[in-house]
PDB file of all heavy atoms in Angstrom:
ATOM      1  N   THR A   1      27.326 -13.045  39.917  1.00  0.00           N
ATOM      2  CA  THR A   1      27.239 -11.882  40.797  1.00  0.00           C
ATOM      3  C   THR A   1      28.155 -10.751  40.337  1.00  0.00           C
ATOM      4  O   THR A   1      28.395  -9.805  41.095  1.00  0.00           O
ATOM      5  CB  THR A   1      27.597 -12.276  42.240  1.00  0.00           C
ATOM      6  OG1 THR A   1      28.877 -12.929  42.250  1.00  0.00           O
ATOM      7  CG2 THR A   1      26.557 -13.201  42.827  1.00  0.00           C
ATOM      8  N   ASN A   2      28.679 -10.849  39.112  1.00  0.00           N
ATOM      9  CA  ASN A   2      29.547  -9.801  38.571  1.00  0.00           C
ATOM     10  C   ASN A   2      30.708  -9.519  39.521  1.00  0.00           C
ATOM     11  O   ASN A   2      31.017  -8.375  39.841  1.00  0.00           O
ATOM     12  CB  ASN A   2      28.753  -8.517  38.311  1.00  0.00           C
ATOM     13  CG  ASN A   2      29.534  -7.494  37.497  1.00  0.00           C
ATOM     14  OD1 ASN A   2      30.492  -7.836  36.791  1.00  0.00           O
ATOM     15  ND2 ASN A   2      29.146  -6.238  37.594  1.00  0.00           N
ATOM     16  N   SER A   3      31.367 -10.590  39.959  1.00  0.00           N
ATOM     17  CA  SER A   3      32.411 -10.467  40.983  1.00  0.00           C
ATOM     18  C   SER A   3      33.722 -11.090  40.506  1.00  0.00           C
ATOM     19  O   SER A   3      34.316 -11.922  41.201  1.00  0.00           O
ATOM     20  CB  SER A   3      31.962 -11.149  42.280  1.00  0.00           C
ATOM     21  OG  SER A   3      30.753 -10.628  42.747  1.00  0.00           O
ATOM     22  N   VAL A   4      34.198 -10.686  39.345  1.00  0.00           N
ATOM     23  CA  VAL A   4      35.478 -11.202  38.852  1.00  0.00           C
ATOM     24  C   VAL A   4      36.572 -10.135  38.871  1.00  0.00           C
ATOM     25  O   VAL A   4      37.731 -10.433  38.601  1.00  0.00           O
ATOM     26  CB  VAL A   4      35.351 -11.800  37.432  1.00  0.00           C
ATOM     27  CG1 VAL A   4      34.359 -12.949  37.417  1.00  0.00           C
ATOM     28  CG2 VAL A   4      34.962 -10.740  36.416  1.00  0.00           C
ATOM     29  N   ARG A   5      36.200  -8.891  39.183  1.00  0.00           N
ATOM     30  CA  ARG A   5      37.201  -7.829  39.280  1.00  0.00           C
ATOM     31  C   ARG A   5      37.853  -7.840  40.664  1.00  0.00           C
ATOM     32  O   ARG A   5      37.250  -8.278  41.645  1.00  0.00           O
ATOM     33  CB  ARG A   5      36.556  -6.466  39.034  1.00  0.00           C
ATOM     34  CG  ARG A   5      36.350  -6.173  37.565  1.00  0.00           C
ATOM     35  CD  ARG A   5      35.864  -4.766  37.325  1.00  0.00           C
ATOM     36  NE  ARG A   5      35.889  -4.460  35.890  1.00  0.00           N
ATOM     37  CZ  ARG A   5      35.103  -3.584  35.296  1.00  0.00           C
ATOM     38  NH1 ARG A   5      34.219  -2.909  35.997  1.00  0.00           N
ATOM     39  NH2 ARG A   5      35.207  -3.373  33.995  1.00  0.00           N
ATOM     40  N   LYS A   6      39.077  -7.327  40.724  1.00  0.00           N
ATOM     41  CA  LYS A   6      39.785  -7.255  41.993  1.00  0.00           C
ATOM     42  C   LYS A   6      39.015  -6.370  42.975  1.00  0.00           C
ATOM     43  O   LYS A   6      38.357  -5.420  42.597  1.00  0.00           O
ATOM     44  CB  LYS A   6      41.200  -6.723  41.780  1.00  0.00           C
ATOM     45  CG  LYS A   6      42.081  -7.659  40.945  1.00  0.00           C
ATOM     46  CD  LYS A   6      43.488  -7.148  40.810  1.00  0.00           C
ATOM     47  CE  LYS A   6      44.314  -7.996  39.854  1.00  0.00           C
ATOM     48  NZ  LYS A   6      44.429  -9.396  40.263  1.00  0.00           N
ATOM     49  N   ARG A   7      39.110  -6.735  44.277  1.00  0.00           N
ATOM     50  CA  ARG A   7      38.446  -6.054  45.387  1.00  0.00           C
ATOM     51  C   ARG A   7      36.938  -6.316  45.427  1.00  0.00           C
ATOM     52  O   ARG A   7      36.220  -5.693  46.193  1.00  0.00           O
ATOM     53  CB  ARG A   7      38.703  -4.543  45.367  1.00  0.00           C
ATOM     54  CG  ARG A   7      40.154  -4.162  45.577  1.00  0.00           C
ATOM     55  CD  ARG A   7      40.369  -2.670  45.367  1.00  0.00           C
ATOM     56  NE  ARG A   7      39.622  -1.881  46.334  1.00  0.00           N
ATOM     57  CZ  ARG A   7      40.154  -1.311  47.431  1.00  0.00           C
ATOM     58  NH1 ARG A   7      41.434  -1.479  47.693  1.00  0.00           N
ATOM     59  NH2 ARG A   7      39.404  -0.585  48.246  1.00  0.00           N
ATOM     60  N   THR A   8      36.471  -7.231  44.586  1.00  0.00           N
ATOM     61  CA  THR A   8      35.069  -7.642  44.675  1.00  0.00           C
ATOM     62  C   THR A   8      35.013  -9.041  45.269  1.00  0.00           C
ATOM     63  O   THR A   8      36.012  -9.762  45.315  1.00  0.00           O
ATOM     64  CB  THR A   8      34.360  -7.635  43.311  1.00  0.00           C
ATOM     65  OG1 THR A   8      34.959  -8.624  42.453  1.00  0.00           O
ATOM     66  CG2 THR A   8      34.457  -6.277  42.648  1.00  0.00           C
ATOM     67  N   GLY A   9      33.843  -9.421  45.722  1.00  0.00           N
ATOM     68  CA  GLY A   9      33.691 -10.751  46.280  1.00  0.00           C
ATOM     69  C   GLY A   9      32.261 -11.216  46.205  1.00  0.00           C
ATOM     70  O   GLY A   9      31.338 -10.421  46.022  1.00  0.00           O
ATOM     71  N   ASN A  10      32.087 -12.514  46.299  1.00  0.00           N
ATOM     72  CA  ASN A  10      30.729 -13.060  46.345  1.00  0.00           C
ATOM     73  C   ASN A  10      30.688 -14.219  47.315  1.00  0.00           C
ATOM     74  O   ASN A  10      31.713 -14.834  47.622  1.00  0.00           O
ATOM     75  CB  ASN A  10      30.262 -13.486  44.949  1.00  0.00           C
ATOM     76  CG  ASN A  10      30.729 -14.872  44.582  1.00  0.00           C
ATOM     77  OD1 ASN A  10      30.043 -15.863  44.780  1.00  0.00           O
ATOM     78  ND2 ASN A  10      31.952 -14.957  44.040  1.00  0.00           N
ATOM     79  N   ILE A  11      29.500 -14.494  47.771  1.00  0.00           N
ATOM     80  CA  ILE A  11      29.285 -15.612  48.684  1.00  0.00           C
ATOM     81  C   ILE A  11      28.171 -16.479  48.128  1.00  0.00           C
ATOM     82  O   ILE A  11      27.086 -15.994  47.809  1.00  0.00           O
ATOM     83  CB  ILE A  11      28.937 -15.119  50.095  1.00  0.00           C
ATOM     84  CG1 ILE A  11      30.164 -14.442  50.707  1.00  0.00           C
ATOM     85  CG2 ILE A  11      28.459 -16.271  50.974  1.00  0.00           C
ATOM     86  CD1 ILE A  11      29.947 -13.902  52.087  1.00  0.00           C
ATOM     87  N   SER A  12      28.471 -17.763  47.981  1.00  0.00           N
ATOM     88  CA  SER A  12      27.514 -18.729  47.450  1.00  0.00           C
ATOM     89  C   SER A  12      27.031 -19.607  48.595  1.00  0.00           C
ATOM     90  O   SER A  12      27.841 -20.178  49.332  1.00  0.00           O
ATOM     91  CB  SER A  12      28.177 -19.584  46.367  1.00  0.00           C
ATOM     92  OG  SER A  12      27.276 -20.547  45.865  1.00  0.00           O
ATOM     93  N   VAL A  13      25.722 -19.690  48.730  1.00  0.00           N
ATOM     94  CA  VAL A  13      25.119 -20.374  49.873  1.00  0.00           C
ATOM     95  C   VAL A  13      24.273 -21.543  49.384  1.00  0.00           C
ATOM     96  O   VAL A  13      23.402 -21.387  48.536  1.00  0.00           O
ATOM     97  CB  VAL A  13      24.253 -19.395  50.692  1.00  0.00           C
ATOM     98  CG1 VAL A  13      23.480 -20.123  51.765  1.00  0.00           C
ATOM     99  CG2 VAL A  13      25.138 -18.316  51.316  1.00  0.00           C
ATOM    100  N   GLY A  14      24.534 -22.709  49.929  1.00  0.00           N
ATOM    101  CA  GLY A  14      23.761 -23.908  49.609  1.00  0.00           C
ATOM    102  C   GLY A  14      24.060 -24.962  50.667  1.00  0.00           C
ATOM    103  O   GLY A  14      24.116 -24.664  51.856  1.00  0.00           O
ATOM    104  N   THR A  15      24.261 -26.211  50.226  1.00  0.00           N
ATOM    105  CA  THR A  15      24.667 -27.258  51.156  1.00  0.00           C
ATOM    106  C   THR A  15      25.961 -26.855  51.860  1.00  0.00           C
ATOM    107  O   THR A  15      26.137 -27.048  53.058  1.00  0.00           O
ATOM    108  CB  THR A  15      24.864 -28.586  50.412  1.00  0.00           C
ATOM    109  OG1 THR A  15      23.632 -28.939  49.779  1.00  0.00           O
ATOM    110  CG2 THR A  15      25.267 -29.691  51.364  1.00  0.00           C
ATOM    111  N   SER A  16      26.892 -26.289  51.098  1.00  0.00           N
ATOM    112  CA  SER A  16      28.087 -25.672  51.659  1.00  0.00           C
ATOM    113  C   SER A  16      27.976 -24.168  51.456  1.00  0.00           C
ATOM    114  O   SER A  16      27.059 -23.678  50.794  1.00  0.00           O
ATOM    115  CB  SER A  16      29.346 -26.215  50.972  1.00  0.00           C
ATOM    116  OG  SER A  16      29.373 -25.832  49.609  1.00  0.00           O
ATOM    117  N   VAL A  17      28.938 -23.426  52.017  1.00  0.00           N
ATOM    118  CA  VAL A  17      28.966 -21.983  51.811  1.00  0.00           C
ATOM    119  C   VAL A  17      30.406 -21.592  51.519  1.00  0.00           C
ATOM    120  O   VAL A  17      31.334 -22.097  52.167  1.00  0.00           O
ATOM    121  CB  VAL A  17      28.415 -21.212  53.036  1.00  0.00           C
ATOM    122  CG1 VAL A  17      29.181 -21.554  54.295  1.00  0.00           C
ATOM    123  CG2 VAL A  17      28.444 -19.702  52.790  1.00  0.00           C
ATOM    124  N   PHE A  18      30.602 -20.758  50.514  1.00  0.00           N
ATOM    125  CA  PHE A  18      31.966 -20.297  50.273  1.00  0.00           C
ATOM    126  C   PHE A  18      31.967 -18.846  49.818  1.00  0.00           C
ATOM    127  O   PHE A  18      31.052 -18.372  49.155  1.00  0.00           O
ATOM    128  CB  PHE A  18      32.702 -21.183  49.264  1.00  0.00           C
ATOM    129  CG  PHE A  18      31.985 -21.438  47.972  1.00  0.00           C
ATOM    130  CD1 PHE A  18      32.034 -20.523  46.927  1.00  0.00           C
ATOM    131  CD2 PHE A  18      31.275 -22.615  47.785  1.00  0.00           C
ATOM    132  CE1 PHE A  18      31.385 -20.773  45.731  1.00  0.00           C
ATOM    133  CE2 PHE A  18      30.623 -22.867  46.591  1.00  0.00           C
ATOM    134  CZ  PHE A  18      30.677 -21.946  45.557  1.00  0.00           C
ATOM    135  N   ALA A  19      33.020 -18.161  50.252  1.00  0.00           N
ATOM    136  CA  ALA A  19      33.246 -16.776  49.852  1.00  0.00           C
ATOM    137  C   ALA A  19      34.431 -16.738  48.905  1.00  0.00           C
ATOM    138  O   ALA A  19      35.433 -17.430  49.127  1.00  0.00           O
ATOM    139  CB  ALA A  19      33.519 -15.906  51.075  1.00  0.00           C
ATOM    140  N   MET A  20      34.318 -15.944  47.856  1.00  0.00           N
ATOM    141  CA  MET A  20      35.380 -15.778  46.872  1.00  0.00           C
ATOM    142  C   MET A  20      35.745 -14.299  46.824  1.00  0.00           C
ATOM    143  O   MET A  20      34.925 -13.475  46.409  1.00  0.00           O
ATOM    144  CB  MET A  20      34.902 -16.239  45.496  1.00  0.00           C
ATOM    145  CG  MET A  20      34.249 -17.603  45.459  1.00  0.00           C
ATOM    146  SD  MET A  20      35.424 -18.941  45.657  1.00  0.00           S
ATOM    147  CE  MET A  20      36.317 -18.829  44.122  1.00  0.00           C
ATOM    148  N   ILE A  21      36.955 -13.958  47.240  1.00  0.00           N
ATOM    149  CA  ILE A  21      37.410 -12.580  47.251  1.00  0.00           C
ATOM    150  C   ILE A  21      38.554 -12.448  46.243  1.00  0.00           C
ATOM    151  O   ILE A  21      39.597 -13.112  46.388  1.00  0.00           O
ATOM    152  CB  ILE A  21      37.893 -12.152  48.646  1.00  0.00           C
ATOM    153  CG1 ILE A  21      36.840 -12.511  49.721  1.00  0.00           C
ATOM    154  CG2 ILE A  21      38.218 -10.672  48.660  1.00  0.00           C
ATOM    155  CD1 ILE A  21      35.485 -11.863  49.516  1.00  0.00           C
ATOM    156  N   VAL A  22      38.371 -11.621  45.217  1.00  0.00           N
ATOM    157  CA  VAL A  22      39.396 -11.436  44.189  1.00  0.00           C
ATOM    158  C   VAL A  22      40.469 -10.510  44.754  1.00  0.00           C
ATOM    159  O   VAL A  22      40.184  -9.369  45.141  1.00  0.00           O
ATOM    160  CB  VAL A  22      38.803 -10.859  42.894  1.00  0.00           C
ATOM    161  CG1 VAL A  22      39.857 -10.872  41.777  1.00  0.00           C
ATOM    162  CG2 VAL A  22      37.576 -11.669  42.448  1.00  0.00           C
ATOM    163  N   LEU A  23      41.700 -11.011  44.814  1.00  0.00           N
ATOM    164  CA  LEU A  23      42.776 -10.346  45.542  1.00  0.00           C
ATOM    165  C   LEU A  23      43.586  -9.403  44.663  1.00  0.00           C
ATOM    166  O   LEU A  23      43.794  -9.655  43.475  1.00  0.00           O
ATOM    167  CB  LEU A  23      43.714 -11.389  46.153  1.00  0.00           C
ATOM    168  CG  LEU A  23      43.074 -12.420  47.082  1.00  0.00           C
ATOM    169  CD1 LEU A  23      44.102 -13.445  47.529  1.00  0.00           C
ATOM    170  CD2 LEU A  23      42.450 -11.741  48.298  1.00  0.00           C
ATOM    171  N   GLU A  24      44.076  -8.340  45.296  1.00  0.00           N
ATOM    172  CA  GLU A  24      44.989  -7.416  44.631  1.00  0.00           C
ATOM    173  C   GLU A  24      46.429  -7.884  44.730  1.00  0.00           C
ATOM    174  O   GLU A  24      47.256  -7.584  43.877  1.00  0.00           O
ATOM    175  CB  GLU A  24      44.873  -6.018  45.250  1.00  0.00           C
ATOM    176  CG  GLU A  24      43.563  -5.315  44.989  1.00  0.00           C
ATOM    177  CD  GLU A  24      43.572  -3.911  45.564  1.00  0.00           C
ATOM    178  OE1 GLU A  24      43.515  -3.771  46.798  1.00  0.00           O
ATOM    179  OE2 GLU A  24      43.644  -2.964  44.757  1.00  0.00           O
ATOM    180  N   GLN A  25      46.756  -8.607  45.794  1.00  0.00           N
ATOM    181  CA  GLN A  25      48.120  -9.073  46.003  1.00  0.00           C
ATOM    182  C   GLN A  25      48.094 -10.383  46.772  1.00  0.00           C
ATOM    183  O   GLN A  25      47.075 -10.759  47.359  1.00  0.00           O
ATOM    184  CB  GLN A  25      48.926  -8.033  46.773  1.00  0.00           C
ATOM    185  CG  GLN A  25      48.337  -7.663  48.120  1.00  0.00           C
ATOM    186  CD  GLN A  25      49.012  -6.466  48.740  1.00  0.00           C
ATOM    187  OE1 GLN A  25      49.580  -5.623  48.051  1.00  0.00           O
ATOM    188  NE2 GLN A  25      48.966  -6.367  50.067  1.00  0.00           N
ATOM    189  N   ASP A  26      49.245 -11.075  46.782  1.00  0.00           N
ATOM    190  CA  ASP A  26      49.339 -12.357  47.467  1.00  0.00           C
ATOM    191  C   ASP A  26      49.192 -12.174  48.972  1.00  0.00           C
ATOM    192  O   ASP A  26      49.536 -11.123  49.527  1.00  0.00           O
ATOM    193  CB  ASP A  26      50.691 -13.017  47.172  1.00  0.00           C
ATOM    194  CG  ASP A  26      50.836 -13.419  45.720  1.00  0.00           C
ATOM    195  OD1 ASP A  26      49.796 -13.598  45.056  1.00  0.00           O
ATOM    196  OD2 ASP A  26      51.986 -13.542  45.252  1.00  0.00           O
ATOM    197  N   LEU A  27      48.696 -13.209  49.638  1.00  0.00           N
ATOM    198  CA  LEU A  27      48.625 -13.190  51.095  1.00  0.00           C
ATOM    199  C   LEU A  27      50.031 -13.341  51.670  1.00  0.00           C
ATOM    200  O   LEU A  27      50.931 -13.887  51.031  1.00  0.00           O
ATOM    201  CB  LEU A  27      47.718 -14.312  51.590  1.00  0.00           C
ATOM    202  CG  LEU A  27      46.269 -14.293  51.077  1.00  0.00           C
ATOM    203  CD1 LEU A  27      45.481 -15.451  51.690  1.00  0.00           C
ATOM    204  CD2 LEU A  27      45.587 -12.968  51.382  1.00  0.00           C
ATOM    205  N   SER A  28      50.222 -12.867  52.893  1.00  0.00           N
ATOM    206  CA  SER A  28      51.549 -12.881  53.505  1.00  0.00           C
ATOM    207  C   SER A  28      51.920 -14.235  54.086  1.00  0.00           C
ATOM    208  O   SER A  28      53.079 -14.475  54.413  1.00  0.00           O
ATOM    209  CB  SER A  28      51.613 -11.826  54.617  1.00  0.00           C
ATOM    210  OG  SER A  28      50.709 -12.156  55.676  1.00  0.00           O
ATOM    211  N   ALA A  29      50.959 -15.125  54.242  1.00  0.00           N
ATOM    212  CA  ALA A  29      51.219 -16.430  54.849  1.00  0.00           C
ATOM    213  C   ALA A  29      50.278 -17.473  54.245  1.00  0.00           C
ATOM    214  O   ALA A  29      49.344 -17.150  53.505  1.00  0.00           O
ATOM    215  CB  ALA A  29      51.023 -16.351  56.366  1.00  0.00           C
ATOM    216  N   VAL A  30      50.570 -18.717  54.572  1.00  0.00           N
ATOM    217  CA  VAL A  30      49.716 -19.833  54.149  1.00  0.00           C
ATOM    218  C   VAL A  30      48.746 -20.135  55.284  1.00  0.00           C
ATOM    219  O   VAL A  30      49.167 -20.339  56.430  1.00  0.00           O
ATOM    220  CB  VAL A  30      50.561 -21.082  53.823  1.00  0.00           C
ATOM    221  CG1 VAL A  30      49.652 -22.265  53.504  1.00  0.00           C
ATOM    222  CG2 VAL A  30      51.506 -20.801  52.658  1.00  0.00           C
ATOM    223  N   TYR A  31      47.458 -20.158  54.967  1.00  0.00           N
ATOM    224  CA  TYR A  31      46.428 -20.423  55.971  1.00  0.00           C
ATOM    225  C   TYR A  31      45.618 -21.649  55.555  1.00  0.00           C
ATOM    226  O   TYR A  31      45.120 -21.702  54.423  1.00  0.00           O
ATOM    227  CB  TYR A  31      45.480 -19.237  56.099  1.00  0.00           C
ATOM    228  CG  TYR A  31      46.128 -17.940  56.505  1.00  0.00           C
ATOM    229  CD1 TYR A  31      46.453 -16.978  55.556  1.00  0.00           C
ATOM    230  CD2 TYR A  31      46.399 -17.668  57.841  1.00  0.00           C
ATOM    231  CE1 TYR A  31      47.041 -15.779  55.921  1.00  0.00           C
ATOM    232  CE2 TYR A  31      46.983 -16.465  58.225  1.00  0.00           C
ATOM    233  CZ  TYR A  31      47.303 -15.528  57.257  1.00  0.00           C
ATOM    234  OH  TYR A  31      47.875 -14.343  57.625  1.00  0.00           O
ATOM    235  N   PRO A  32      45.459 -22.621  56.440  1.00  0.00           N
ATOM    236  CA  PRO A  32      44.646 -23.787  56.089  1.00  0.00           C
ATOM    237  C   PRO A  32      43.183 -23.442  55.849  1.00  0.00           C
ATOM    238  O   PRO A  32      42.454 -24.199  55.211  1.00  0.00           O
ATOM    239  CB  PRO A  32      44.819 -24.723  57.291  1.00  0.00           C
ATOM    240  CG  PRO A  32      45.267 -23.839  58.414  1.00  0.00           C
ATOM    241  CD  PRO A  32      46.055 -22.743  57.781  1.00  0.00           C
ATOM    242  N   GLU A  33      42.743 -22.288  56.381  1.00  0.00           N
ATOM    243  CA  GLU A  33      41.340 -21.886  56.196  1.00  0.00           C
ATOM    244  C   GLU A  33      41.099 -21.187  54.863  1.00  0.00           C
ATOM    245  O   GLU A  33      39.948 -20.962  54.489  1.00  0.00           O
ATOM    246  CB  GLU A  33      40.924 -20.931  57.329  1.00  0.00           C
ATOM    247  CG  GLU A  33      41.009 -21.528  58.717  1.00  0.00           C
ATOM    248  CD  GLU A  33      42.387 -21.332  59.356  1.00  0.00           C
ATOM    249  OE1 GLU A  33      43.320 -20.862  58.648  1.00  0.00           O
ATOM    250  OE2 GLU A  33      42.531 -21.642  60.549  1.00  0.00           O
ATOM    251  N   ILE A  34      42.163 -20.821  54.142  1.00  0.00           N
ATOM    252  CA  ILE A  34      42.034 -20.049  52.899  1.00  0.00           C
ATOM    253  C   ILE A  34      42.559 -20.870  51.725  1.00  0.00           C
ATOM    254  O   ILE A  34      43.731 -21.253  51.698  1.00  0.00           O
ATOM    255  CB  ILE A  34      42.810 -18.716  52.956  1.00  0.00           C
ATOM    256  CG1 ILE A  34      42.502 -17.947  54.245  1.00  0.00           C
ATOM    257  CG2 ILE A  34      42.515 -17.888  51.717  1.00  0.00           C
ATOM    258  CD1 ILE A  34      41.075 -17.486  54.370  1.00  0.00           C
ATOM    259  N   ASP A  35      41.697 -21.141  50.753  1.00  0.00           N
ATOM    260  CA  ASP A  35      42.125 -21.782  49.508  1.00  0.00           C
ATOM    261  C   ASP A  35      42.538 -20.699  48.525  1.00  0.00           C
ATOM    262  O   ASP A  35      41.857 -19.678  48.394  1.00  0.00           O
ATOM    263  CB  ASP A  35      40.978 -22.561  48.858  1.00  0.00           C
ATOM    264  CG  ASP A  35      40.390 -23.630  49.764  1.00  0.00           C
ATOM    265  OD1 ASP A  35      40.796 -23.708  50.937  1.00  0.00           O
ATOM    266  OD2 ASP A  35      39.523 -24.366  49.287  1.00  0.00           O
ATOM    267  N   MET A  36      43.618 -20.928  47.810  1.00  0.00           N
ATOM    268  CA  MET A  36      44.014 -20.019  46.746  1.00  0.00           C
ATOM    269  C   MET A  36      43.576 -20.621  45.416  1.00  0.00           C
ATOM    270  O   MET A  36      44.131 -21.620  44.945  1.00  0.00           O
ATOM    271  CB  MET A  36      45.520 -19.785  46.767  1.00  0.00           C
ATOM    272  CG  MET A  36      45.996 -18.983  47.979  1.00  0.00           C
ATOM    273  SD  MET A  36      45.167 -17.386  48.163  1.00  0.00           S
ATOM    274  CE  MET A  36      45.602 -16.597  46.610  1.00  0.00           C
ATOM    275  N   VAL A  37      42.556 -20.014  44.810  1.00  0.00           N
ATOM    276  CA  VAL A  37      42.020 -20.497  43.535  1.00  0.00           C
ATOM    277  C   VAL A  37      42.018 -19.330  42.546  1.00  0.00           C
ATOM    278  O   VAL A  37      42.724 -18.348  42.736  1.00  0.00           O
ATOM    279  CB  VAL A  37      40.618 -21.106  43.726  1.00  0.00           C
ATOM    280  CG1 VAL A  37      40.700 -22.386  44.548  1.00  0.00           C
ATOM    281  CG2 VAL A  37      39.667 -20.132  44.409  1.00  0.00           C
ATOM    282  N   THR A  38      41.242 -19.443  41.474  1.00  0.00           N
ATOM    283  CA  THR A  38      41.219 -18.364  40.491  1.00  0.00           C
ATOM    284  C   THR A  38      39.807 -18.091  39.998  1.00  0.00           C
ATOM    285  O   THR A  38      38.905 -18.918  40.142  1.00  0.00           O
ATOM    286  CB  THR A  38      42.091 -18.687  39.248  1.00  0.00           C
ATOM    287  OG1 THR A  38      41.382 -19.570  38.373  1.00  0.00           O
ATOM    288  CG2 THR A  38      43.422 -19.297  39.630  1.00  0.00           C
ATOM    289  N   THR A  39      39.647 -16.918  39.378  1.00  0.00           N
ATOM    290  CA  THR A  39      38.434 -16.612  38.633  1.00  0.00           C
ATOM    291  C   THR A  39      38.446 -17.421  37.343  1.00  0.00           C
ATOM    292  O   THR A  39      39.476 -17.988  36.967  1.00  0.00           O
ATOM    293  CB  THR A  39      38.384 -15.114  38.285  1.00  0.00           C
ATOM    294  OG1 THR A  39      39.502 -14.819  37.430  1.00  0.00           O
ATOM    295  CG2 THR A  39      38.456 -14.246  39.529  1.00  0.00           C
TER     296      THR A  39
END
């Protein structure tokens, strides 16, 4: 989906669903609902 640049995102839909948002900066807190992964 050409979504590896910062401020872009994609959503993959199948048996599961996940959104990947390329971040400009670190999040301010740890959230169990948010995984920190990489492109």
